[in-house]
Amino acid sequence: MPNPPDFALAPLRRYRRDLLAPTPDDDQLTTLAKELTLVLGLCFNEIKDLHWALARVGAEVSETPEHVSAINGQLFGMRGTYVRLLSGMMFELAVAVKERSHIARWSPWQQCLERMPRHARDAWMEVTALANRKKGRRPVADYLWKVRDRISHHFDGKVLLSGYAHFFKGSQPGSDALYLSTGNSMEETRFYFADAAAINADKALRESIAWDDVQDFMNQVNLALRFIVEELMAEFERAAEAPTEDGPDRTY
C-alpha cells in the first residue's frame, strides 16, 4: 500500500516506555516536565495534522476558483475552517504554557531554551507573551489571539455579521447571491454563506497581515515545539540511565 501524500517520516526511534511515567522519586518540577512533554508533543502533532489537512484541501481547489459551484464553495469553506483551527491552536498552546509557567525554574528547561535556534526561540517568546495577554512584537501573535476569541473557538455573532456584510459588498466570487446546499445527509449539505462570513471576518481581523506570515510564524513555533520535546526526551533518558544510590540503574 503506498504512503498517503506527505507521509515522508523519519525512521522510528525507540525509548523505554516508562520514560515519561511519574515515579515516587520525581520532584514537582520533574513531574511537571513530563506532563509538559506530553502536552507539547500533542500540540505539535495537532498543528502538523491541521497543516496537512489545509495542504490537502488546497491541492484540491479548482483551477477556476472564481467559478461558483458547490465543490468550490465547500473547498474554500473547509480551507477557512482549517485556517481558523490552526489559529486557535496557537492560542491554546499559549494557555497550556501559561498554566505550567513555573517550569521556568527547572534548570534543564532553561538550558533547553538557551540551546534553541534563535528564530524558533523568538517565536516561542511570542507564544509566552501571548499566554500572558501582552502585546507581542509581531502583529501575527495579536491576530491569533483575536481570531481565537472571536471566530475560532468562540462564535462572536457581531464579528460574523460584519464579515457577512463585507463579503456581499465586494466583488468576490459568489457575492452576487446567498448560496447553500441542503441534501438528505451531512455530506450533501453546506451553508456557504456562513463560510463566507467567517472567512471575511478572519480577513478583517488579520488586516494587512499576509497569510504567508501567519504560516511562517506557526512553522517557527512548531520548530520550537519539536526542539523542546526532543531535548526533554533526551534529558529524561539521561536521568533514567544515571546511577542511583541503590545501584547502576534507576528503577521504576
C-alpha atoms as a PDB file:
ATOM      1  CA  MET A   1       0.000   0.000   0.000  1.00  0.00           C
ATOM      2  CA  PRO A   2       1.532   3.353  -0.993  1.00  0.00           C
ATOM      3  CA  ASN A   3       2.037   6.042   1.631  1.00  0.00           C
ATOM      4  CA  PRO A   4      -0.559   8.810   1.837  1.00  0.00           C
ATOM      5  CA  PRO A   5       0.659  12.168   0.475  1.00  0.00           C
ATOM      6  CA  ASP A   6       3.250  13.957   2.644  1.00  0.00           C
ATOM      7  CA  PHE A   7       3.964  10.962   4.869  1.00  0.00           C
ATOM      8  CA  ALA A   8       7.761  11.044   4.488  1.00  0.00           C
ATOM      9  CA  LEU A   9       8.527  10.383   8.159  1.00  0.00           C
ATOM     10  CA  ALA A  10      11.965   9.853   9.686  1.00  0.00           C
ATOM     11  CA  PRO A  11      12.787   6.354  10.979  1.00  0.00           C
ATOM     12  CA  LEU A  12      11.279   5.305  14.315  1.00  0.00           C
ATOM     13  CA  ARG A  13      13.344   5.971  17.433  1.00  0.00           C
ATOM     14  CA  ARG A  14      12.810   3.624  20.370  1.00  0.00           C
ATOM     15  CA  TYR A  15      12.721   4.672  24.042  1.00  0.00           C
ATOM     16  CA  ARG A  16      11.805   2.927  27.267  1.00  0.00           C
ATOM     17  CA  ARG A  17       8.044   3.126  27.566  1.00  0.00           C
ATOM     18  CA  ASP A  18       8.239   4.125  31.256  1.00  0.00           C
ATOM     19  CA  LEU A  19      10.392   7.151  30.451  1.00  0.00           C
ATOM     20  CA  LEU A  20       7.549   9.618  30.981  1.00  0.00           C
ATOM     21  CA  ALA A  21       5.753   7.695  33.704  1.00  0.00           C
ATOM     22  CA  PRO A  22       5.573   9.550  37.053  1.00  0.00           C
ATOM     23  CA  THR A  23       7.547   7.955  39.882  1.00  0.00           C
ATOM     24  CA  PRO A  24       7.611   8.450  43.671  1.00  0.00           C
ATOM     25  CA  ASP A  25      11.142   9.832  43.324  1.00  0.00           C
ATOM     26  CA  ASP A  26      10.131  12.652  40.978  1.00  0.00           C
ATOM     27  CA  ASP A  27      10.073  16.143  42.422  1.00  0.00           C
ATOM     28  CA  GLN A  28       7.309  18.570  41.451  1.00  0.00           C
ATOM     29  CA  LEU A  29       9.225  20.142  38.577  1.00  0.00           C
ATOM     30  CA  THR A  30      10.224  16.799  37.081  1.00  0.00           C
ATOM     31  CA  THR A  31       6.586  15.657  37.139  1.00  0.00           C
ATOM     32  CA  LEU A  32       5.565  18.941  35.547  1.00  0.00           C
ATOM     33  CA  ALA A  33       8.213  18.498  32.849  1.00  0.00           C
ATOM     34  CA  LYS A  34       6.876  15.049  31.981  1.00  0.00           C
ATOM     35  CA  GLU A  35       3.360  16.445  31.768  1.00  0.00           C
ATOM     36  CA  LEU A  36       4.555  19.320  29.596  1.00  0.00           C
ATOM     37  CA  THR A  37       6.380  16.926  27.275  1.00  0.00           C
ATOM     38  CA  LEU A  38       3.085  15.156  26.569  1.00  0.00           C
ATOM     39  CA  VAL A  39       1.188  18.431  26.156  1.00  0.00           C
ATOM     40  CA  LEU A  40       3.718  19.987  23.789  1.00  0.00           C
ATOM     41  CA  GLY A  41       4.089  16.757  21.819  1.00  0.00           C
ATOM     42  CA  LEU A  42       0.340  16.650  21.271  1.00  0.00           C
ATOM     43  CA  CYS A  43       0.281  20.349  20.314  1.00  0.00           C
ATOM     44  CA  PHE A  44       2.987  19.696  17.715  1.00  0.00           C
ATOM     45  CA  ASN A  45       1.056  16.758  16.272  1.00  0.00           C
ATOM     46  CA  GLU A  46      -2.241  18.622  16.062  1.00  0.00           C
ATOM     47  CA  ILE A  47      -0.685  21.682  14.424  1.00  0.00           C
ATOM     48  CA  LYS A  48       1.074  19.397  11.955  1.00  0.00           C
ATOM     49  CA  ASP A  49      -2.149  17.494  11.216  1.00  0.00           C
ATOM     50  CA  LEU A  50      -4.075  20.705  10.572  1.00  0.00           C
ATOM     51  CA  HIS A  51      -1.304  21.922   8.243  1.00  0.00           C
ATOM     52  CA  TRP A  52      -1.579  18.606   6.391  1.00  0.00           C
ATOM     53  CA  ALA A  53      -5.352  18.912   6.057  1.00  0.00           C
ATOM     54  CA  LEU A  54      -5.005  22.512   4.878  1.00  0.00           C
ATOM     55  CA  ALA A  55      -2.445  21.493   2.258  1.00  0.00           C
ATOM     56  CA  ARG A  56      -4.599  18.605   1.018  1.00  0.00           C
ATOM     57  CA  VAL A  57      -7.663  20.822   0.681  1.00  0.00           C
ATOM     58  CA  GLY A  58      -5.553  23.449  -1.098  1.00  0.00           C
ATOM     59  CA  ALA A  59      -4.336  20.828  -3.546  1.00  0.00           C
ATOM     60  CA  GLU A  60      -7.951  20.054  -4.486  1.00  0.00           C
ATOM     61  CA  VAL A  61      -9.017  23.648  -5.178  1.00  0.00           C
ATOM     62  CA  SER A  62     -10.381  24.048  -8.673  1.00  0.00           C
ATOM     63  CA  GLU A  63      -8.215  25.544 -11.410  1.00  0.00           C
ATOM     64  CA  THR A  64     -11.041  28.032 -11.875  1.00  0.00           C
ATOM     65  CA  PRO A  65     -11.722  29.143  -8.276  1.00  0.00           C
ATOM     66  CA  GLU A  66     -13.771  32.089  -9.487  1.00  0.00           C
ATOM     67  CA  HIS A  67     -16.359  29.643 -10.818  1.00  0.00           C
ATOM     68  CA  VAL A  68     -19.303  29.420  -8.420  1.00  0.00           C
ATOM     69  CA  SER A  69     -20.058  25.779  -7.640  1.00  0.00           C
ATOM     70  CA  ALA A  70     -20.844  23.544  -4.678  1.00  0.00           C
ATOM     71  CA  ILE A  71     -17.404  21.906  -4.902  1.00  0.00           C
ATOM     72  CA  ASN A  72     -15.512  25.203  -4.930  1.00  0.00           C
ATOM     73  CA  GLY A  73     -17.711  26.536  -2.158  1.00  0.00           C
ATOM     74  CA  GLN A  74     -17.008  23.567   0.096  1.00  0.00           C
ATOM     75  CA  LEU A  75     -13.259  23.575  -0.632  1.00  0.00           C
ATOM     76  CA  PHE A  76     -12.917  27.245   0.244  1.00  0.00           C
ATOM     77  CA  GLY A  77     -15.094  26.768   3.317  1.00  0.00           C
ATOM     78  CA  MET A  78     -13.007  23.813   4.510  1.00  0.00           C
ATOM     79  CA  ARG A  79      -9.812  25.735   3.943  1.00  0.00           C
ATOM     80  CA  GLY A  80     -11.189  28.575   6.063  1.00  0.00           C
ATOM     81  CA  THR A  81     -12.082  26.109   8.815  1.00  0.00           C
ATOM     82  CA  TYR A  82      -8.530  24.724   8.990  1.00  0.00           C
ATOM     83  CA  VAL A  83      -7.062  28.228   8.984  1.00  0.00           C
ATOM     84  CA  ARG A  84      -9.197  29.207  11.983  1.00  0.00           C
ATOM     85  CA  LEU A  85      -8.491  25.952  13.820  1.00  0.00           C
ATOM     86  CA  LEU A  86      -4.748  26.466  13.326  1.00  0.00           C
ATOM     87  CA  SER A  87      -5.014  29.989  14.666  1.00  0.00           C
ATOM     88  CA  GLY A  88      -6.980  28.747  17.665  1.00  0.00           C
ATOM     89  CA  MET A  89      -4.403  26.023  18.331  1.00  0.00           C
ATOM     90  CA  MET A  90      -1.694  28.667  18.717  1.00  0.00           C
ATOM     91  CA  PHE A  91      -3.722  30.348  21.432  1.00  0.00           C
ATOM     92  CA  GLU A  92      -4.477  27.072  23.218  1.00  0.00           C
ATOM     93  CA  LEU A  93      -0.747  26.316  23.184  1.00  0.00           C
ATOM     94  CA  ALA A  94      -0.121  29.669  24.847  1.00  0.00           C
ATOM     95  CA  VAL A  95      -2.699  28.858  27.539  1.00  0.00           C
ATOM     96  CA  ALA A  96      -1.076  25.460  28.167  1.00  0.00           C
ATOM     97  CA  VAL A  97       2.324  27.133  28.585  1.00  0.00           C
ATOM     98  CA  LYS A  98       0.969  29.760  30.975  1.00  0.00           C
ATOM     99  CA  GLU A  99      -0.675  27.127  33.182  1.00  0.00           C
ATOM    100  CA  ARG A 100       2.747  25.495  33.612  1.00  0.00           C
ATOM    101  CA  SER A 101       4.874  28.636  33.725  1.00  0.00           C
ATOM    102  CA  HIS A 102       6.764  27.561  36.869  1.00  0.00           C
ATOM    103  CA  ILE A 103       8.626  25.045  34.692  1.00  0.00           C
ATOM    104  CA  ALA A 104      10.955  28.026  34.114  1.00  0.00           C
ATOM    105  CA  ARG A 105      12.548  27.159  37.481  1.00  0.00           C
ATOM    106  CA  TRP A 106      13.674  23.735  36.186  1.00  0.00           C
ATOM    107  CA  SER A 107      17.309  24.015  35.076  1.00  0.00           C
ATOM    108  CA  PRO A 108      17.053  21.538  32.136  1.00  0.00           C
ATOM    109  CA  TRP A 109      14.209  23.681  30.770  1.00  0.00           C
ATOM    110  CA  GLN A 110      16.349  26.797  30.979  1.00  0.00           C
ATOM    111  CA  GLN A 111      19.188  25.024  29.181  1.00  0.00           C
ATOM    112  CA  CYS A 112      16.791  23.797  26.505  1.00  0.00           C
ATOM    113  CA  LEU A 113      15.631  27.345  25.727  1.00  0.00           C
ATOM    114  CA  GLU A 114      19.222  28.578  25.612  1.00  0.00           C
ATOM    115  CA  ARG A 115      20.144  25.944  23.013  1.00  0.00           C
ATOM    116  CA  MET A 116      17.090  26.542  20.840  1.00  0.00           C
ATOM    117  CA  PRO A 117      17.719  28.063  17.374  1.00  0.00           C
ATOM    118  CA  ARG A 118      17.259  31.831  17.592  1.00  0.00           C
ATOM    119  CA  HIS A 119      14.358  32.155  15.128  1.00  0.00           C
ATOM    120  CA  ALA A 120      12.473  29.368  16.922  1.00  0.00           C
ATOM    121  CA  ARG A 121      13.232  30.909  20.329  1.00  0.00           C
ATOM    122  CA  ASP A 122      11.935  34.287  19.143  1.00  0.00           C
ATOM    123  CA  ALA A 123       8.655  32.656  18.077  1.00  0.00           C
ATOM    124  CA  TRP A 124       8.484  30.845  21.421  1.00  0.00           C
ATOM    125  CA  MET A 125       8.880  34.145  23.270  1.00  0.00           C
ATOM    126  CA  GLU A 126       5.911  35.453  21.296  1.00  0.00           C
ATOM    127  CA  VAL A 127       3.889  32.461  22.480  1.00  0.00           C
ATOM    128  CA  THR A 128       4.746  33.225  26.107  1.00  0.00           C
ATOM    129  CA  ALA A 129       3.804  36.879  25.572  1.00  0.00           C
ATOM    130  CA  LEU A 130       0.511  35.724  24.071  1.00  0.00           C
ATOM    131  CA  ALA A 131      -0.036  33.473  27.081  1.00  0.00           C
ATOM    132  CA  ASN A 132       0.232  36.485  29.381  1.00  0.00           C
ATOM    133  CA  ARG A 133      -2.009  38.565  27.097  1.00  0.00           C
ATOM    134  CA  LYS A 134       0.801  41.006  26.444  1.00  0.00           C
ATOM    135  CA  LYS A 135       1.042  42.808  23.152  1.00  0.00           C
ATOM    136  CA  GLY A 136       3.589  40.921  21.098  1.00  0.00           C
ATOM    137  CA  ARG A 137       6.299  42.334  18.916  1.00  0.00           C
ATOM    138  CA  ARG A 138       4.687  40.605  15.956  1.00  0.00           C
ATOM    139  CA  PRO A 139       1.213  41.599  14.775  1.00  0.00           C
ATOM    140  CA  VAL A 140       0.736  37.912  13.899  1.00  0.00           C
ATOM    141  CA  ALA A 141       0.616  36.934  17.581  1.00  0.00           C
ATOM    142  CA  ASP A 142      -2.033  39.558  18.315  1.00  0.00           C
ATOM    143  CA  TYR A 143      -4.082  38.338  15.334  1.00  0.00           C
ATOM    144  CA  LEU A 144      -4.017  34.760  16.653  1.00  0.00           C
ATOM    145  CA  TRP A 145      -5.359  35.980  19.979  1.00  0.00           C
ATOM    146  CA  LYS A 146      -8.232  37.851  18.334  1.00  0.00           C
ATOM    147  CA  VAL A 147      -9.251  35.127  15.883  1.00  0.00           C
ATOM    148  CA  ARG A 148      -9.452  32.504  18.628  1.00  0.00           C
ATOM    149  CA  ASP A 149     -11.569  34.714  20.875  1.00  0.00           C
ATOM    150  CA  ARG A 150     -13.985  35.799  18.155  1.00  0.00           C
ATOM    151  CA  ILE A 151     -14.441  33.198  15.418  1.00  0.00           C
ATOM    152  CA  SER A 152     -12.344  30.106  16.065  1.00  0.00           C
ATOM    153  CA  HIS A 153     -13.385  28.725  19.458  1.00  0.00           C
ATOM    154  CA  HIS A 154     -15.979  31.330  20.341  1.00  0.00           C
ATOM    155  CA  PHE A 155     -18.592  32.377  17.815  1.00  0.00           C
ATOM    156  CA  ASP A 156     -18.977  36.154  18.030  1.00  0.00           C
ATOM    157  CA  GLY A 157     -22.185  36.880  16.119  1.00  0.00           C
ATOM    158  CA  LYS A 158     -21.357  40.554  15.631  1.00  0.00           C
ATOM    159  CA  VAL A 159     -17.980  39.739  14.091  1.00  0.00           C
ATOM    160  CA  LEU A 160     -19.572  37.146  11.799  1.00  0.00           C
ATOM    161  CA  LEU A 161     -22.328  39.558  10.785  1.00  0.00           C
ATOM    162  CA  SER A 162     -19.720  42.161   9.921  1.00  0.00           C
ATOM    163  CA  GLY A 163     -17.812  39.589   7.843  1.00  0.00           C
ATOM    164  CA  TYR A 164     -21.017  38.636   6.070  1.00  0.00           C
ATOM    165  CA  ALA A 165     -21.835  42.263   5.232  1.00  0.00           C
ATOM    166  CA  HIS A 166     -18.290  42.835   3.980  1.00  0.00           C
ATOM    167  CA  PHE A 167     -18.411  39.802   1.694  1.00  0.00           C
ATOM    168  CA  PHE A 168     -21.576  40.893  -0.053  1.00  0.00           C
ATOM    169  CA  LYS A 169     -20.285  44.450  -0.523  1.00  0.00           C
ATOM    170  CA  GLY A 170     -17.348  43.202  -2.560  1.00  0.00           C
ATOM    171  CA  SER A 171     -16.947  41.616  -5.954  1.00  0.00           C
ATOM    172  CA  GLN A 172     -15.718  38.236  -4.759  1.00  0.00           C
ATOM    173  CA  PRO A 173     -16.870  35.035  -6.495  1.00  0.00           C
ATOM    174  CA  GLY A 174     -20.259  34.085  -5.109  1.00  0.00           C
ATOM    175  CA  SER A 175     -21.020  37.513  -3.621  1.00  0.00           C
ATOM    176  CA  ASP A 176     -23.828  38.101  -6.115  1.00  0.00           C
ATOM    177  CA  ALA A 177     -26.163  35.794  -4.172  1.00  0.00           C
ATOM    178  CA  LEU A 178     -26.551  33.721  -0.997  1.00  0.00           C
ATOM    179  CA  TYR A 179     -25.855  30.005  -1.530  1.00  0.00           C
ATOM    180  CA  LEU A 180     -26.481  26.768   0.317  1.00  0.00           C
ATOM    181  CA  SER A 181     -26.910  23.057  -0.425  1.00  0.00           C
ATOM    182  CA  THR A 182     -29.477  21.129   1.623  1.00  0.00           C
ATOM    183  CA  GLY A 183     -29.464  17.417   0.910  1.00  0.00           C
ATOM    184  CA  ASN A 184     -30.594  14.361   2.838  1.00  0.00           C
ATOM    185  CA  SER A 185     -27.282  13.906   4.682  1.00  0.00           C
ATOM    186  CA  MET A 186     -24.406  15.862   6.185  1.00  0.00           C
ATOM    187  CA  GLU A 187     -22.284  15.047   3.144  1.00  0.00           C
ATOM    188  CA  GLU A 188     -24.837  16.634   0.807  1.00  0.00           C
ATOM    189  CA  THR A 189     -25.327  19.785   2.891  1.00  0.00           C
ATOM    190  CA  ARG A 190     -23.311  23.024   3.174  1.00  0.00           C
ATOM    191  CA  PHE A 191     -24.166  26.581   4.209  1.00  0.00           C
ATOM    192  CA  TYR A 192     -21.760  28.528   2.011  1.00  0.00           C
ATOM    193  CA  PHE A 193     -22.949  31.908   3.262  1.00  0.00           C
ATOM    194  CA  ALA A 194     -21.688  31.036   6.770  1.00  0.00           C
ATOM    195  CA  ASP A 195     -18.270  30.144   5.329  1.00  0.00           C
ATOM    196  CA  ALA A 196     -18.203  33.475   3.507  1.00  0.00           C
ATOM    197  CA  ALA A 197     -18.997  35.350   6.727  1.00  0.00           C
ATOM    198  CA  ALA A 198     -16.271  33.556   8.721  1.00  0.00           C
ATOM    199  CA  ILE A 199     -13.605  33.841   6.012  1.00  0.00           C
ATOM    200  CA  ASN A 200     -14.185  37.575   5.628  1.00  0.00           C
ATOM    201  CA  ALA A 201     -14.315  38.103   9.391  1.00  0.00           C
ATOM    202  CA  ASP A 202     -10.945  36.368   9.589  1.00  0.00           C
ATOM    203  CA  LYS A 203      -9.530  38.594   6.848  1.00  0.00           C
ATOM    204  CA  ALA A 204     -10.752  41.688   8.703  1.00  0.00           C
ATOM    205  CA  LEU A 205      -9.064  40.569  11.934  1.00  0.00           C
ATOM    206  CA  ARG A 206      -5.860  39.828  10.043  1.00  0.00           C
ATOM    207  CA  GLU A 207      -5.963  43.283   8.441  1.00  0.00           C
ATOM    208  CA  SER A 208      -2.718  43.797   6.474  1.00  0.00           C
ATOM    209  CA  ILE A 209      -1.018  40.600   7.719  1.00  0.00           C
ATOM    210  CA  ALA A 210      -0.317  38.166   4.891  1.00  0.00           C
ATOM    211  CA  TRP A 211      -1.334  34.549   5.465  1.00  0.00           C
ATOM    212  CA  ASP A 212       2.221  33.543   4.494  1.00  0.00           C
ATOM    213  CA  ASP A 213       3.470  35.489   7.519  1.00  0.00           C
ATOM    214  CA  VAL A 214       0.991  33.657   9.739  1.00  0.00           C
ATOM    215  CA  GLN A 215       2.138  30.294   8.365  1.00  0.00           C
ATOM    216  CA  ASP A 216       5.797  31.239   8.840  1.00  0.00           C
ATOM    217  CA  PHE A 217       5.117  32.109  12.480  1.00  0.00           C
ATOM    218  CA  MET A 218       3.298  28.809  13.035  1.00  0.00           C
ATOM    219  CA  ASN A 219       6.152  26.895  11.407  1.00  0.00           C
ATOM    220  CA  GLN A 220       8.668  28.565  13.720  1.00  0.00           C
ATOM    221  CA  VAL A 221       6.532  27.766  16.753  1.00  0.00           C
ATOM    222  CA  ASN A 222       6.301  24.142  15.676  1.00  0.00           C
ATOM    223  CA  LEU A 223      10.072  24.070  15.174  1.00  0.00           C
ATOM    224  CA  ALA A 224      10.381  25.289  18.769  1.00  0.00           C
ATOM    225  CA  LEU A 225       7.993  22.554  19.930  1.00  0.00           C
ATOM    226  CA  ARG A 226       9.961  19.892  18.091  1.00  0.00           C
ATOM    227  CA  PHE A 227      13.221  21.116  19.630  1.00  0.00           C
ATOM    228  CA  ILE A 228      11.798  21.321  23.160  1.00  0.00           C
ATOM    229  CA  VAL A 229      10.202  17.863  23.106  1.00  0.00           C
ATOM    230  CA  GLU A 230      13.333  16.248  21.669  1.00  0.00           C
ATOM    231  CA  GLU A 231      15.518  17.941  24.287  1.00  0.00           C
ATOM    232  CA  LEU A 232      13.208  16.921  27.130  1.00  0.00           C
ATOM    233  CA  MET A 233      13.175  13.316  25.934  1.00  0.00           C
ATOM    234  CA  ALA A 234      16.976  13.327  25.896  1.00  0.00           C
ATOM    235  CA  GLU A 235      17.004  14.753  29.431  1.00  0.00           C
ATOM    236  CA  PHE A 236      14.659  12.048  30.739  1.00  0.00           C
ATOM    237  CA  GLU A 237      16.737   9.388  29.011  1.00  0.00           C
ATOM    238  CA  ARG A 238      19.916  10.682  30.672  1.00  0.00           C
ATOM    239  CA  ALA A 239      18.183  10.725  34.049  1.00  0.00           C
ATOM    240  CA  ALA A 240      16.895   7.166  33.585  1.00  0.00           C
ATOM    241  CA  GLU A 241      20.394   5.918  32.788  1.00  0.00           C
ATOM    242  CA  ALA A 242      22.113   7.790  35.620  1.00  0.00           C
ATOM    243  CA  PRO A 243      23.336   5.639  38.541  1.00  0.00           C
ATOM    244  CA  THR A 244      21.376   5.863  41.800  1.00  0.00           C
ATOM    245  CA  GLU A 245      22.312   5.171  45.433  1.00  0.00           C
ATOM    246  CA  ASP A 246      20.816   1.672  45.181  1.00  0.00           C
ATOM    247  CA  GLY A 247      22.573   0.584  42.026  1.00  0.00           C
ATOM    248  CA  PRO A 248      23.649   1.464  38.500  1.00  0.00           C
ATOM    249  CA  ASP A 249      20.157   1.743  37.026  1.00  0.00           C
ATOM    250  CA  ARG A 250      17.167   3.774  38.069  1.00  0.00           C
ATOM    251  CA  THR A 251      14.179   1.541  38.724  1.00  0.00           C
ATOM    252  CA  TYR A 252      10.501   2.394  38.245  1.00  0.00           C
END
